[in-house]
C-alpha atoms as a PDB file:
ATOM      1  CA  MET A   1      95.207 -45.448 -39.928  1.00  0.00           C
ATOM      2  CA  ASN A   2      97.073 -45.495 -42.901  1.00  0.00           C
ATOM      3  CA  SER A   3      95.809 -41.899 -44.784  1.00  0.00           C
ATOM      4  CA  SER A   4      97.867 -38.465 -44.481  1.00  0.00           C
ATOM      5  CA  ASN A   5      95.147 -36.744 -42.047  1.00  0.00           C
ATOM      6  CA  GLN A   6      95.290 -39.004 -39.717  1.00  0.00           C
ATOM      7  CA  ILE A   7      98.749 -39.452 -39.477  1.00  0.00           C
ATOM      8  CA  LEU A   8      99.387 -35.965 -39.106  1.00  0.00           C
ATOM      9  CA  ALA A   9      96.473 -35.512 -36.925  1.00  0.00           C
ATOM     10  CA  VAL A  10      98.604 -37.828 -33.935  1.00  0.00           C
ATOM     11  CA  ALA A  11     101.124 -35.882 -35.030  1.00  0.00           C
ATOM     12  CA  THR A  12      99.738 -32.495 -33.654  1.00  0.00           C
ATOM     13  CA  ARG A  13      98.126 -34.082 -30.835  1.00  0.00           C
ATOM     14  CA  THR A  14     101.463 -35.296 -29.741  1.00  0.00           C
ATOM     15  CA  LEU A  15     102.979 -32.053 -30.082  1.00  0.00           C
ATOM     16  CA  ALA A  16     100.447 -30.061 -28.578  1.00  0.00           C
ATOM     17  CA  ILE A  17     100.593 -32.382 -25.397  1.00  0.00           C
ATOM     18  CA  GLU A  18     104.047 -32.665 -25.103  1.00  0.00           C
ATOM     19  CA  LEU A  19     104.344 -28.626 -25.244  1.00  0.00           C
ATOM     20  CA  GLU A  20     101.473 -28.172 -22.967  1.00  0.00           C
ATOM     21  CA  THR A  21     103.848 -30.104 -20.803  1.00  0.00           C
ATOM     22  CA  VAL A  22     106.590 -28.158 -21.103  1.00  0.00           C
ATOM     23  CA  GLN A  23     104.532 -25.146 -20.601  1.00  0.00           C
ATOM     24  CA  ALA A  24     102.996 -26.165 -17.127  1.00  0.00           C
ATOM     25  CA  LEU A  25     107.000 -26.557 -16.154  1.00  0.00           C
ATOM     26  CA  GLN A  26     107.297 -22.981 -15.801  1.00  0.00           C
ATOM     27  CA  SER A  27     105.036 -22.546 -13.396  1.00  0.00           C
ATOM     28  CA  ALA A  28     105.682 -25.413 -11.356  1.00  0.00           C
ATOM     29  CA  LEU A  29     109.497 -23.734 -11.216  1.00  0.00           C
ATOM     30  CA  ASN A  30     110.386 -22.435  -7.427  1.00  0.00           C
ATOM     31  CA  GLN A  31     112.565 -22.052  -4.472  1.00  0.00           C
ATOM     32  CA  ASP A  32     113.803 -25.766  -4.375  1.00  0.00           C
ATOM     33  CA  PHE A  33     115.102 -25.815  -8.066  1.00  0.00           C
ATOM     34  CA  VAL A  34     117.067 -22.669  -7.823  1.00  0.00           C
ATOM     35  CA  ASP A  35     118.287 -24.279  -4.894  1.00  0.00           C
ATOM     36  CA  THR A  36     119.474 -26.893  -6.176  1.00  0.00           C
ATOM     37  CA  VAL A  37     121.371 -25.188  -8.698  1.00  0.00           C
ATOM     38  CA  LEU A  38     123.352 -22.993  -6.209  1.00  0.00           C
ATOM     39  CA  HIS A  39     124.176 -26.285  -4.312  1.00  0.00           C
ATOM     40  CA  LEU A  40     125.721 -27.471  -7.800  1.00  0.00           C
ATOM     41  CA  GLN A  41     127.500 -24.355  -8.460  1.00  0.00           C
ATOM     42  CA  LYS A  42     128.888 -24.586  -4.987  1.00  0.00           C
ATOM     43  CA  SER A  43     129.812 -27.951  -4.535  1.00  0.00           C
ATOM     44  CA  LYS A  44     133.146 -29.468  -4.803  1.00  0.00           C
ATOM     45  CA  GLY A  45     131.933 -32.795  -6.165  1.00  0.00           C
ATOM     46  CA  ARG A  46     130.388 -34.165  -8.962  1.00  0.00           C
ATOM     47  CA  ILE A  47     126.730 -34.700 -10.250  1.00  0.00           C
ATOM     48  CA  VAL A  48     125.406 -38.251 -10.341  1.00  0.00           C
ATOM     49  CA  VAL A  49     122.916 -38.951 -12.615  1.00  0.00           C
ATOM     50  CA  THR A  50     120.788 -42.047 -12.222  1.00  0.00           C
ATOM     51  CA  GLY A  51     116.879 -43.160 -13.035  1.00  0.00           C
ATOM     52  CA  ILE A  52     115.772 -46.482 -14.804  1.00  0.00           C
ATOM     53  CA  GLY A  53     113.832 -47.067 -17.794  1.00  0.00           C
ATOM     54  CA  LYS A  54     113.385 -44.285 -20.106  1.00  0.00           C
ATOM     55  CA  SER A  55     114.790 -41.654 -16.988  1.00  0.00           C
ATOM     56  CA  ALA A  56     117.959 -43.716 -17.246  1.00  0.00           C
ATOM     57  CA  ILE A  57     118.459 -42.874 -20.634  1.00  0.00           C
ATOM     58  CA  ILE A  58     117.075 -38.852 -20.173  1.00  0.00           C
ATOM     59  CA  GLY A  59     119.927 -38.934 -17.318  1.00  0.00           C
ATOM     60  CA  GLN A  60     122.512 -39.699 -19.597  1.00  0.00           C
ATOM     61  CA  LYS A  61     121.406 -37.138 -21.873  1.00  0.00           C
ATOM     62  CA  TRP A  62     122.032 -35.418 -18.681  1.00  0.00           C
ATOM     63  CA  VAL A  63     124.953 -36.053 -17.763  1.00  0.00           C
ATOM     64  CA  ALA A  64     126.635 -35.206 -21.665  1.00  0.00           C
ATOM     65  CA  THR A  65     125.161 -31.210 -21.293  1.00  0.00           C
ATOM     66  CA  PHE A  66     126.505 -31.097 -17.866  1.00  0.00           C
ATOM     67  CA  ASN A  67     130.119 -32.083 -19.440  1.00  0.00           C
ATOM     68  CA  SER A  68     129.823 -30.337 -22.241  1.00  0.00           C
ATOM     69  CA  THR A  69     128.827 -27.074 -20.171  1.00  0.00           C
ATOM     70  CA  GLY A  70     131.445 -27.177 -17.470  1.00  0.00           C
ATOM     71  CA  SER A  71     129.736 -29.203 -14.640  1.00  0.00           C
ATOM     72  CA  PRO A  72     131.320 -32.414 -14.049  1.00  0.00           C
ATOM     73  CA  ALA A  73     129.116 -35.025 -13.707  1.00  0.00           C
ATOM     74  CA  LEU A  74     128.814 -39.226 -14.381  1.00  0.00           C
ATOM     75  CA  PHE A  75     125.872 -41.576 -15.035  1.00  0.00           C
ATOM     76  CA  MET A  76     125.370 -44.283 -13.102  1.00  0.00           C
ATOM     77  CA  HIS A  77     122.358 -47.191 -13.481  1.00  0.00           C
ATOM     78  CA  GLY A  78     119.615 -46.886 -10.844  1.00  0.00           C
ATOM     79  CA  ALA A  79     119.627 -50.773 -10.477  1.00  0.00           C
ATOM     80  CA  ASP A  80     123.281 -51.000 -11.360  1.00  0.00           C
ATOM     81  CA  ALA A  81     123.761 -48.598  -8.547  1.00  0.00           C
ATOM     82  CA  ILE A  82     122.479 -51.076  -6.081  1.00  0.00           C
ATOM     83  CA  HIS A  83     125.294 -53.738  -7.239  1.00  0.00           C
ATOM     84  CA  GLY A  84     128.249 -52.621  -6.860  1.00  0.00           C
ATOM     85  CA  ASP A  85     128.015 -49.080  -8.706  1.00  0.00           C
ATOM     86  CA  LEU A  86     127.355 -47.273  -5.562  1.00  0.00           C
ATOM     87  CA  GLY A  87     131.073 -46.925  -4.807  1.00  0.00           C
ATOM     88  CA  MET A  88     131.525 -44.593  -7.641  1.00  0.00           C
ATOM     89  CA  LEU A  89     129.467 -42.208  -5.519  1.00  0.00           C
ATOM     90  CA  GLN A  90     131.746 -39.871  -3.472  1.00  0.00           C
ATOM     91  CA  PRO A  91     131.267 -37.886  -0.527  1.00  0.00           C
ATOM     92  CA  ASP A  92     130.939 -35.090  -1.966  1.00  0.00           C
ATOM     93  CA  ASP A  93     129.168 -36.416  -4.393  1.00  0.00           C
ATOM     94  CA  SER A  94     124.868 -34.803  -5.793  1.00  0.00           C
ATOM     95  CA  LEU A  95     122.657 -37.575  -6.399  1.00  0.00           C
ATOM     96  CA  ILE A  96     120.185 -36.042  -8.718  1.00  0.00           C
ATOM     97  CA  ILE A  97     117.908 -39.202  -9.344  1.00  0.00           C
ATOM     98  CA  LEU A  98     115.035 -39.119 -12.526  1.00  0.00           C
ATOM     99  CA  SER A  99     111.307 -40.282 -12.262  1.00  0.00           C
ATOM    100  CA  LYS A 100     108.432 -40.556 -13.132  1.00  0.00           C
ATOM    101  CA  SER A 101     106.408 -42.045 -10.503  1.00  0.00           C
ATOM    102  CA  GLY A 102     109.145 -41.962  -7.473  1.00  0.00           C
ATOM    103  CA  GLU A 103     108.118 -45.387  -6.159  1.00  0.00           C
ATOM    104  CA  THR A 104     110.084 -47.209  -8.478  1.00  0.00           C
ATOM    105  CA  PRO A 105     111.200 -50.377  -6.909  1.00  0.00           C
ATOM    106  CA  GLU A 106     115.174 -50.108  -7.475  1.00  0.00           C
ATOM    107  CA  ILE A 107     114.877 -46.252  -6.834  1.00  0.00           C
ATOM    108  CA  LYS A 108     113.334 -47.501  -2.877  1.00  0.00           C
ATOM    109  CA  VAL A 109     116.165 -49.810  -2.364  1.00  0.00           C
ATOM    110  CA  LEU A 110     119.012 -46.724  -3.090  1.00  0.00           C
ATOM    111  CA  VAL A 111     117.014 -43.894  -1.408  1.00  0.00           C
ATOM    112  CA  PRO A 112     118.381 -45.329   1.885  1.00  0.00           C
ATOM    113  CA  LEU A 113     121.587 -46.097   0.700  1.00  0.00           C
ATOM    114  CA  VAL A 114     122.526 -42.700   0.029  1.00  0.00           C
ATOM    115  CA  LYS A 115     120.927 -41.166   2.591  1.00  0.00           C
ATOM    116  CA  GLN A 116     123.317 -42.992   4.818  1.00  0.00           C
ATOM    117  CA  PHE A 117     126.278 -41.953   2.453  1.00  0.00           C
ATOM    118  CA  GLY A 118     125.041 -38.064   2.981  1.00  0.00           C
ATOM    119  CA  ASN A 119     125.111 -37.182  -0.225  1.00  0.00           C
ATOM    120  CA  LYS A 120     122.368 -34.289  -1.401  1.00  0.00           C
ATOM    121  CA  LEU A 121     120.333 -36.309  -2.749  1.00  0.00           C
ATOM    122  CA  ILE A 122     117.552 -34.043  -5.755  1.00  0.00           C
ATOM    123  CA  ALA A 123     114.721 -35.489  -7.117  1.00  0.00           C
ATOM    124  CA  VAL A 124     113.020 -35.110 -10.318  1.00  0.00           C
ATOM    125  CA  VAL A 125     109.480 -36.467 -10.042  1.00  0.00           C
ATOM    126  CA  ALA A 126     106.376 -35.824 -11.801  1.00  0.00           C
ATOM    127  CA  GLN A 127     104.548 -37.376  -7.979  1.00  0.00           C
ATOM    128  CA  PRO A 128     105.365 -34.888  -5.225  1.00  0.00           C
ATOM    129  CA  ASP A 129     104.054 -37.031  -2.855  1.00  0.00           C
ATOM    130  CA  SER A 130     105.860 -39.890  -3.994  1.00  0.00           C
ATOM    131  CA  TYR A 131     108.477 -41.995  -1.611  1.00  0.00           C
ATOM    132  CA  LEU A 132     111.097 -40.379  -3.370  1.00  0.00           C
ATOM    133  CA  ALA A 133     109.907 -36.988  -3.330  1.00  0.00           C
ATOM    134  CA  LYS A 134     109.455 -37.507   0.508  1.00  0.00           C
ATOM    135  CA  GLN A 135     112.519 -38.883   1.056  1.00  0.00           C
ATOM    136  CA  ALA A 136     114.567 -35.987  -1.024  1.00  0.00           C
ATOM    137  CA  ASP A 137     116.225 -33.098   0.565  1.00  0.00           C
ATOM    138  CA  LEU A 138     115.323 -31.215  -2.503  1.00  0.00           C
ATOM    139  CA  VAL A 139     112.776 -31.877  -4.919  1.00  0.00           C
ATOM    140  CA  ILE A 140     112.087 -30.426  -8.514  1.00  0.00           C
ATOM    141  CA  HIS A 141     108.684 -31.055  -9.971  1.00  0.00           C
ATOM    142  CA  THR A 142     108.123 -32.203 -13.239  1.00  0.00           C
ATOM    143  CA  PRO A 143     104.354 -32.732 -13.136  1.00  0.00           C
ATOM    144  CA  VAL A 144     102.887 -34.190 -16.219  1.00  0.00           C
ATOM    145  CA  SER A 145      99.041 -34.848 -16.603  1.00  0.00           C
ATOM    146  CA  ARG A 146      99.200 -37.666 -19.603  1.00  0.00           C
ATOM    147  CA  GLU A 147     101.013 -39.804 -21.645  1.00  0.00           C
ATOM    148  CA  ALA A 148     101.607 -38.032 -25.341  1.00  0.00           C
ATOM    149  CA  GLU A 149     100.929 -41.727 -26.323  1.00  0.00           C
ATOM    150  CA  PRO A 150      97.428 -42.565 -26.975  1.00  0.00           C
ATOM    151  CA  ASN A 151      96.943 -44.839 -24.708  1.00  0.00           C
ATOM    152  CA  ASN A 152      98.761 -42.365 -21.589  1.00  0.00           C
ATOM    153  CA  LEU A 153     101.373 -45.159 -21.347  1.00  0.00           C
ATOM    154  CA  ALA A 154     104.351 -45.188 -22.826  1.00  0.00           C
ATOM    155  CA  PRO A 155     106.756 -42.699 -21.014  1.00  0.00           C
ATOM    156  CA  THR A 156     106.819 -39.836 -23.432  1.00  0.00           C
ATOM    157  CA  SER A 157     105.358 -35.947 -21.846  1.00  0.00           C
ATOM    158  CA  SER A 158     106.823 -37.364 -18.723  1.00  0.00           C
ATOM    159  CA  THR A 159     110.602 -37.729 -20.625  1.00  0.00           C
ATOM    160  CA  THR A 160     110.626 -34.266 -22.509  1.00  0.00           C
ATOM    161  CA  ALA A 161     109.593 -32.322 -18.881  1.00  0.00           C
ATOM    162  CA  GLN A 162     112.793 -34.452 -17.651  1.00  0.00           C
ATOM    163  CA  LEU A 163     115.147 -33.546 -20.429  1.00  0.00           C
ATOM    164  CA  VAL A 164     114.265 -29.717 -20.321  1.00  0.00           C
ATOM    165  CA  ILE A 165     114.326 -29.546 -17.092  1.00  0.00           C
ATOM    166  CA  GLY A 166     118.110 -31.286 -16.704  1.00  0.00           C
ATOM    167  CA  ASP A 167     118.688 -27.822 -20.193  1.00  0.00           C
ATOM    168  CA  ALA A 168     117.508 -25.622 -17.580  1.00  0.00           C
ATOM    169  CA  LEU A 169     119.538 -26.987 -14.922  1.00  0.00           C
ATOM    170  CA  ALA A 170     122.853 -27.158 -17.168  1.00  0.00           C
ATOM    171  CA  THR A 171     121.661 -23.646 -18.644  1.00  0.00           C
ATOM    172  CA  CYS A 172     121.428 -22.271 -14.908  1.00  0.00           C
ATOM    173  CA  LEU A 173     124.912 -23.425 -13.701  1.00  0.00           C
ATOM    174  CA  LEU A 174     126.452 -22.120 -16.818  1.00  0.00           C
ATOM    175  CA  ALA A 175     125.332 -18.328 -16.356  1.00  0.00           C
ATOM    176  CA  LEU A 176     126.199 -19.534 -13.350  1.00  0.00           C
ATOM    177  CA  ARG A 177     129.760 -19.961 -13.679  1.00  0.00           C
ATOM    178  CA  LYS A 178     130.425 -17.378 -16.583  1.00  0.00           C
ATOM    179  CA  PHE A 179     130.765 -20.046 -19.606  1.00  0.00           C
ATOM    180  CA  THR A 180     132.362 -18.777 -22.045  1.00  0.00           C
ATOM    181  CA  PRO A 181     132.119 -19.848 -25.758  1.00  0.00           C
ATOM    182  CA  GLU A 182     136.313 -20.470 -25.455  1.00  0.00           C
ATOM    183  CA  HIS A 183     135.336 -22.578 -22.351  1.00  0.00           C
ATOM    184  CA  PHE A 184     132.384 -24.467 -24.958  1.00  0.00           C
ATOM    185  CA  ALA A 185     135.358 -25.102 -27.549  1.00  0.00           C
ATOM    186  CA  ARG A 186     138.057 -26.472 -25.352  1.00  0.00           C
ATOM    187  CA  PHE A 187     135.365 -29.561 -24.036  1.00  0.00           C
ATOM    188  CA  HIS A 188     134.636 -29.468 -28.023  1.00  0.00           C
ATOM    189  CA  PRO A 189     138.005 -29.438 -29.872  1.00  0.00           C
ATOM    190  CA  GLY A 190     136.930 -32.292 -32.267  1.00  0.00           C
ATOM    191  CA  GLY A 191     134.187 -30.558 -34.056  1.00  0.00           C
ATOM    192  CA  THR A 192     133.773 -27.956 -36.644  1.00  0.00           C
ATOM    193  CA  LEU A 193     131.898 -25.081 -33.417  1.00  0.00           C
ATOM    194  CA  GLY A 194     135.199 -25.648 -31.618  1.00  0.00           C
ATOM    195  CA  LYS A 195     137.645 -25.568 -34.660  1.00  0.00           C
ATOM    196  CA  GLN A 196     135.738 -22.375 -35.383  1.00  0.00           C
ATOM    197  CA  LEU A 197     136.298 -21.223 -31.436  1.00  0.00           C
ATOM    198  CA  TYR A 198     139.504 -21.877 -31.170  1.00  0.00           C
ATOM    199  CA  LEU A 199     141.895 -22.677 -34.003  1.00  0.00           C
ATOM    200  CA  ARG A 200     143.766 -19.998 -35.031  1.00  0.00           C
ATOM    201  CA  VAL A 201     145.846 -18.734 -38.015  1.00  0.00           C
ATOM    202  CA  ARG A 202     149.319 -19.265 -36.539  1.00  0.00           C
ATOM    203  CA  ASP A 203     147.974 -23.107 -36.093  1.00  0.00           C
ATOM    204  CA  LEU A 204     147.351 -23.499 -39.495  1.00  0.00           C
ATOM    205  CA  MET A 205     150.106 -20.995 -41.239  1.00  0.00           C
ATOM    206  CA  ILE A 206     152.857 -23.422 -39.972  1.00  0.00           C
ATOM    207  CA  ARG A 207     151.678 -26.087 -42.047  1.00  0.00           C
ATOM    208  CA  HIS A 208     153.627 -24.465 -44.943  1.00  0.00           C
ATOM    209  CA  GLU A 209     157.640 -22.861 -46.061  1.00  0.00           C
ATOM    210  CA  LYS A 210     157.684 -19.134 -45.979  1.00  0.00           C
ATOM    211  CA  PRO A 211     157.600 -17.684 -49.574  1.00  0.00           C
ATOM    212  CA  GLU A 212     159.779 -14.371 -49.579  1.00  0.00           C
ATOM    213  CA  VAL A 213     161.565 -12.409 -52.273  1.00  0.00           C
ATOM    214  CA  ARG A 214     162.737  -9.164 -52.974  1.00  0.00           C
ATOM    215  CA  PRO A 215     161.652  -6.104 -55.158  1.00  0.00           C
ATOM    216  CA  GLN A 216     164.655  -6.928 -57.076  1.00  0.00           C
ATOM    217  CA  ALA A 217     163.696 -10.594 -57.916  1.00  0.00           C
ATOM    218  CA  SER A 218     163.092 -11.701 -61.585  1.00  0.00           C
ATOM    219  CA  LEU A 219     160.460 -13.416 -62.821  1.00  0.00           C
ATOM    220  CA  GLN A 220     162.006 -17.002 -62.740  1.00  0.00           C
ATOM    221  CA  GLU A 221     163.664 -16.056 -59.856  1.00  0.00           C
ATOM    222  CA  VAL A 222     159.484 -15.572 -58.173  1.00  0.00           C
ATOM    223  CA  ILE A 223     157.853 -18.754 -60.470  1.00  0.00           C
ATOM    224  CA  MET A 224     160.457 -20.936 -58.111  1.00  0.00           C
ATOM    225  CA  GLU A 225     160.108 -19.363 -54.712  1.00  0.00           C
ATOM    226  CA  MET A 226     156.466 -20.087 -55.324  1.00  0.00           C
ATOM    227  CA  THR A 227     156.453 -23.701 -56.772  1.00  0.00           C
ATOM    228  CA  SER A 228     158.977 -24.725 -55.145  1.00  0.00           C
ATOM    229  CA  LYS A 229     157.168 -23.627 -51.504  1.00  0.00           C
ATOM    230  CA  ARG A 230     153.636 -24.764 -53.668  1.00  0.00           C
ATOM    231  CA  VAL A 231     151.259 -21.861 -51.822  1.00  0.00           C
ATOM    232  CA  GLY A 232     150.789 -20.402 -55.201  1.00  0.00           C
ATOM    233  CA  ALA A 233     151.355 -16.460 -53.487  1.00  0.00           C
ATOM    234  CA  THR A 234     154.865 -14.837 -52.077  1.00  0.00           C
ATOM    235  CA  ALA A 235     155.947 -12.295 -50.315  1.00  0.00           C
ATOM    236  CA  VAL A 236     157.775  -9.345 -51.464  1.00  0.00           C
ATOM    237  CA  THR A 237     160.109  -8.286 -48.318  1.00  0.00           C
ATOM    238  CA  ASP A 238     162.670  -5.336 -48.410  1.00  0.00           C
ATOM    239  CA  GLU A 239     166.419  -5.978 -46.446  1.00  0.00           C
ATOM    240  CA  SER A 240     164.636  -5.293 -43.721  1.00  0.00           C
ATOM    241  CA  GLY A 241     161.957  -7.615 -43.687  1.00  0.00           C
ATOM    242  CA  SER A 242     158.587  -5.367 -44.331  1.00  0.00           C
ATOM    243  CA  LEU A 243     156.444  -6.068 -46.561  1.00  0.00           C
ATOM    244  CA  LEU A 244     156.127  -4.595 -49.831  1.00  0.00           C
ATOM    245  CA  GLY A 245     153.314  -6.916 -51.529  1.00  0.00           C
ATOM    246  CA  ILE A 246     152.369  -9.941 -52.447  1.00  0.00           C
ATOM    247  CA  ILE A 247     152.532 -12.023 -55.733  1.00  0.00           C
ATOM    248  CA  THR A 248     149.684 -14.386 -56.792  1.00  0.00           C
ATOM    249  CA  ASP A 249     149.271 -16.896 -59.433  1.00  0.00           C
ATOM    250  CA  GLY A 250     146.562 -14.491 -61.068  1.00  0.00           C
ATOM    251  CA  ASP A 251     148.845 -11.446 -60.793  1.00  0.00           C
ATOM    252  CA  LEU A 252     151.155 -13.909 -63.159  1.00  0.00           C
ATOM    253  CA  ARG A 253     148.861 -15.164 -65.704  1.00  0.00           C
ATOM    254  CA  ARG A 254     148.380 -10.768 -65.784  1.00  0.00           C
ATOM    255  CA  MET A 255     151.188 -10.096 -66.490  1.00  0.00           C
ATOM    256  CA  LEU A 256     151.651 -13.420 -68.979  1.00  0.00           C
ATOM    257  CA  SER A 257     148.581 -12.202 -70.842  1.00  0.00           C
ATOM    258  CA  LYS A 258     150.426  -8.435 -71.457  1.00  0.00           C
ATOM    259  CA  SER A 259     153.836  -8.901 -72.419  1.00  0.00           C
ATOM    260  CA  GLN A 260     155.689 -10.748 -74.627  1.00  0.00           C
ATOM    261  CA  ASP A 261     159.086  -9.640 -72.711  1.00  0.00           C
ATOM    262  CA  LEU A 262     159.039 -11.112 -69.804  1.00  0.00           C
ATOM    263  CA  THR A 263     163.447 -11.308 -68.549  1.00  0.00           C
ATOM    264  CA  SER A 264     163.181  -8.262 -67.434  1.00  0.00           C
ATOM    265  CA  TRP A 265     160.332  -8.505 -65.543  1.00  0.00           C
ATOM    266  CA  GLN A 266     161.286  -7.556 -61.599  1.00  0.00           C
ATOM    267  CA  ALA A 267     159.163  -8.382 -58.354  1.00  0.00           C
ATOM    268  CA  GLU A 268     158.291  -5.041 -57.677  1.00  0.00           C
ATOM    269  CA  ALA A 269     156.631  -4.419 -61.313  1.00  0.00           C
ATOM    270  CA  ILE A 270     154.580  -7.561 -60.674  1.00  0.00           C
ATOM    271  CA  MET A 271     152.973  -7.418 -56.191  1.00  0.00           C
ATOM    272  CA  THR A 272     149.956  -6.398 -55.802  1.00  0.00           C
ATOM    273  CA  PRO A 273     151.283  -3.231 -52.980  1.00  0.00           C
ATOM    274  CA  GLU A 274     149.180  -3.238 -49.788  1.00  0.00           C
ATOM    275  CA  PRO A 275     147.675  -6.753 -49.483  1.00  0.00           C
ATOM    276  CA  LYS A 276     145.768  -7.730 -47.389  1.00  0.00           C
ATOM    277  CA  THR A 277     146.951  -9.449 -43.906  1.00  0.00           C
ATOM    278  CA  ILE A 278     145.489 -10.927 -40.709  1.00  0.00           C
ATOM    279  CA  SER A 279     147.183 -11.120 -37.350  1.00  0.00           C
ATOM    280  CA  GLY A 280     148.492 -14.855 -36.413  1.00  0.00           C
ATOM    281  CA  ASP A 281     146.412 -14.680 -33.777  1.00  0.00           C
ATOM    282  CA  GLU A 282     142.502 -14.566 -35.960  1.00  0.00           C
ATOM    283  CA  LEU A 283     140.836 -17.316 -35.162  1.00  0.00           C
ATOM    284  CA  ALA A 284     140.949 -19.331 -38.249  1.00  0.00           C
ATOM    285  CA  VAL A 285     136.886 -18.839 -39.887  1.00  0.00           C
ATOM    286  CA  ASP A 286     137.257 -15.484 -39.877  1.00  0.00           C
ATOM    287  CA  ALA A 287     140.330 -15.620 -41.956  1.00  0.00           C
ATOM    288  CA  LEU A 288     137.856 -17.529 -43.760  1.00  0.00           C
ATOM    289  CA  ALA A 289     135.661 -14.447 -43.724  1.00  0.00           C
ATOM    290  CA  LEU A 290     138.237 -12.275 -44.792  1.00  0.00           C
ATOM    291  CA  MET A 291     139.050 -13.981 -47.861  1.00  0.00           C
ATOM    292  CA  ARG A 292     135.357 -14.529 -48.739  1.00  0.00           C
ATOM    293  CA  ARG A 293     134.819 -10.998 -48.704  1.00  0.00           C
ATOM    294  CA  MET A 294     137.404 -10.011 -50.731  1.00  0.00           C
ATOM    295  CA  SER A 295     137.257 -12.897 -53.280  1.00  0.00           C
ATOM    296  CA  ILE A 296     140.997 -14.325 -52.576  1.00  0.00           C
ATOM    297  CA  THR A 297     142.566 -17.180 -51.537  1.00  0.00           C
ATOM    298  CA  GLN A 298     145.345 -15.963 -49.225  1.00  0.00           C
ATOM    299  CA  LEU A 299     146.057 -13.635 -46.479  1.00  0.00           C
ATOM    300  CA  ILE A 300     149.757 -12.298 -45.709  1.00  0.00           C
ATOM    301  CA  VAL A 301     150.176 -13.993 -41.850  1.00  0.00           C
ATOM    302  CA  LEU A 302     151.640 -11.082 -39.759  1.00  0.00           C
ATOM    303  CA  ALA A 303     153.050 -11.274 -36.430  1.00  0.00           C
ATOM    304  CA  ALA A 304     154.100  -8.173 -34.188  1.00  0.00           C
ATOM    305  CA  GLU A 305     153.942  -6.608 -37.976  1.00  0.00           C
ATOM    306  CA  ARG A 306     156.431  -9.031 -39.189  1.00  0.00           C
ATOM    307  CA  TYR A 307     155.785 -10.924 -42.153  1.00  0.00           C
ATOM    308  CA  VAL A 308     155.388 -14.469 -41.165  1.00  0.00           C
ATOM    309  CA  GLY A 309     154.165 -16.163 -43.305  1.00  0.00           C
ATOM    310  CA  ILE A 310     150.585 -16.526 -45.501  1.00  0.00           C
ATOM    311  CA  ILE A 311     147.688 -19.051 -45.133  1.00  0.00           C
ATOM    312  CA  HIS A 312     145.619 -20.289 -47.912  1.00  0.00           C
ATOM    313  CA  LEU A 313     142.065 -21.286 -48.444  1.00  0.00           C
ATOM    314  CA  HIS A 314     142.847 -24.742 -48.575  1.00  0.00           C
ATOM    315  CA  ASP A 315     144.407 -25.052 -45.174  1.00  0.00           C
ATOM    316  CA  ILE A 316     141.120 -23.587 -43.754  1.00  0.00           C
ATOM    317  CA  LEU A 317     138.715 -26.425 -46.500  1.00  0.00           C
ATOM    318  CA  GLN A 318     141.011 -29.194 -45.124  1.00  0.00           C
ATOM    319  CA  GLU A 319     140.290 -28.240 -41.514  1.00  0.00           C
ATOM    320  CA  GLY A 320     136.243 -28.304 -42.351  1.00  0.00           C
ATOM    321  CA  LEU A 321     135.615 -25.060 -40.899  1.00  0.00           C
ATOM    322  CA  LEU A 322     133.604 -24.076 -44.805  1.00  0.00           C
END
């Protein structure tokens, strides 16, 4: 096979067979699937997932998805389980075994041991009349008419079915537990998506000092304040601390282009009144959206309507939110 048409034909056939497998899962969903979801939702223990070969790899993905969506889970390799790792199974845990055939030797050894422990045993299996299916408390059937691999040997459609049904379980549990974006952020604090959901303006604002001048401040005082605080802007406030305006680098450049006499200029004549503001409680990603919409690079930050600092576009860029 060396022509583009042949390659695309094989790829198209593979996708068609795997799509057929996924579609078959819809009609295979039954009360055991529902009972599995309800059991896992109410269970006080963890979800322990096990399997052999390719099923073990899919099981690891199940565990990652469960954990990231609020369902505590761990992976136990089927071969290692019968050589000591079965000790990780606690009394309230539920064991899910992934297997296409349900007849794997290691699984046949593992099942009686688990049943002696009294843990809920859930089978995810393509063969509903297999040893595993007959021994399990609940059976999730993943029918597979054929593998997508041309020789009908290598696990392809069968592992796709396992992967998809795992996502279905996780999303059902997520919905029942009312899992929110805030919960998701708690479990994903290191990624950009997590930061978008939890990082707030106040978290970035405190990195620099609070530039501030009074309305009567001279041009020199304004420049010194902006330079010393290294924000590229300063707030203008009255004696009570109320916000009057903002002076940015752009305001200074515009003022300098209009006048040769700089000695008499004061802050109130240079500032932009009623500047754009944002609460320190707002998400940093919302501050970014406001800056983009207004074509500005900094925002005055308020807390209880009082000036508390400035957030700059650079602060947001450093966090990788853009």
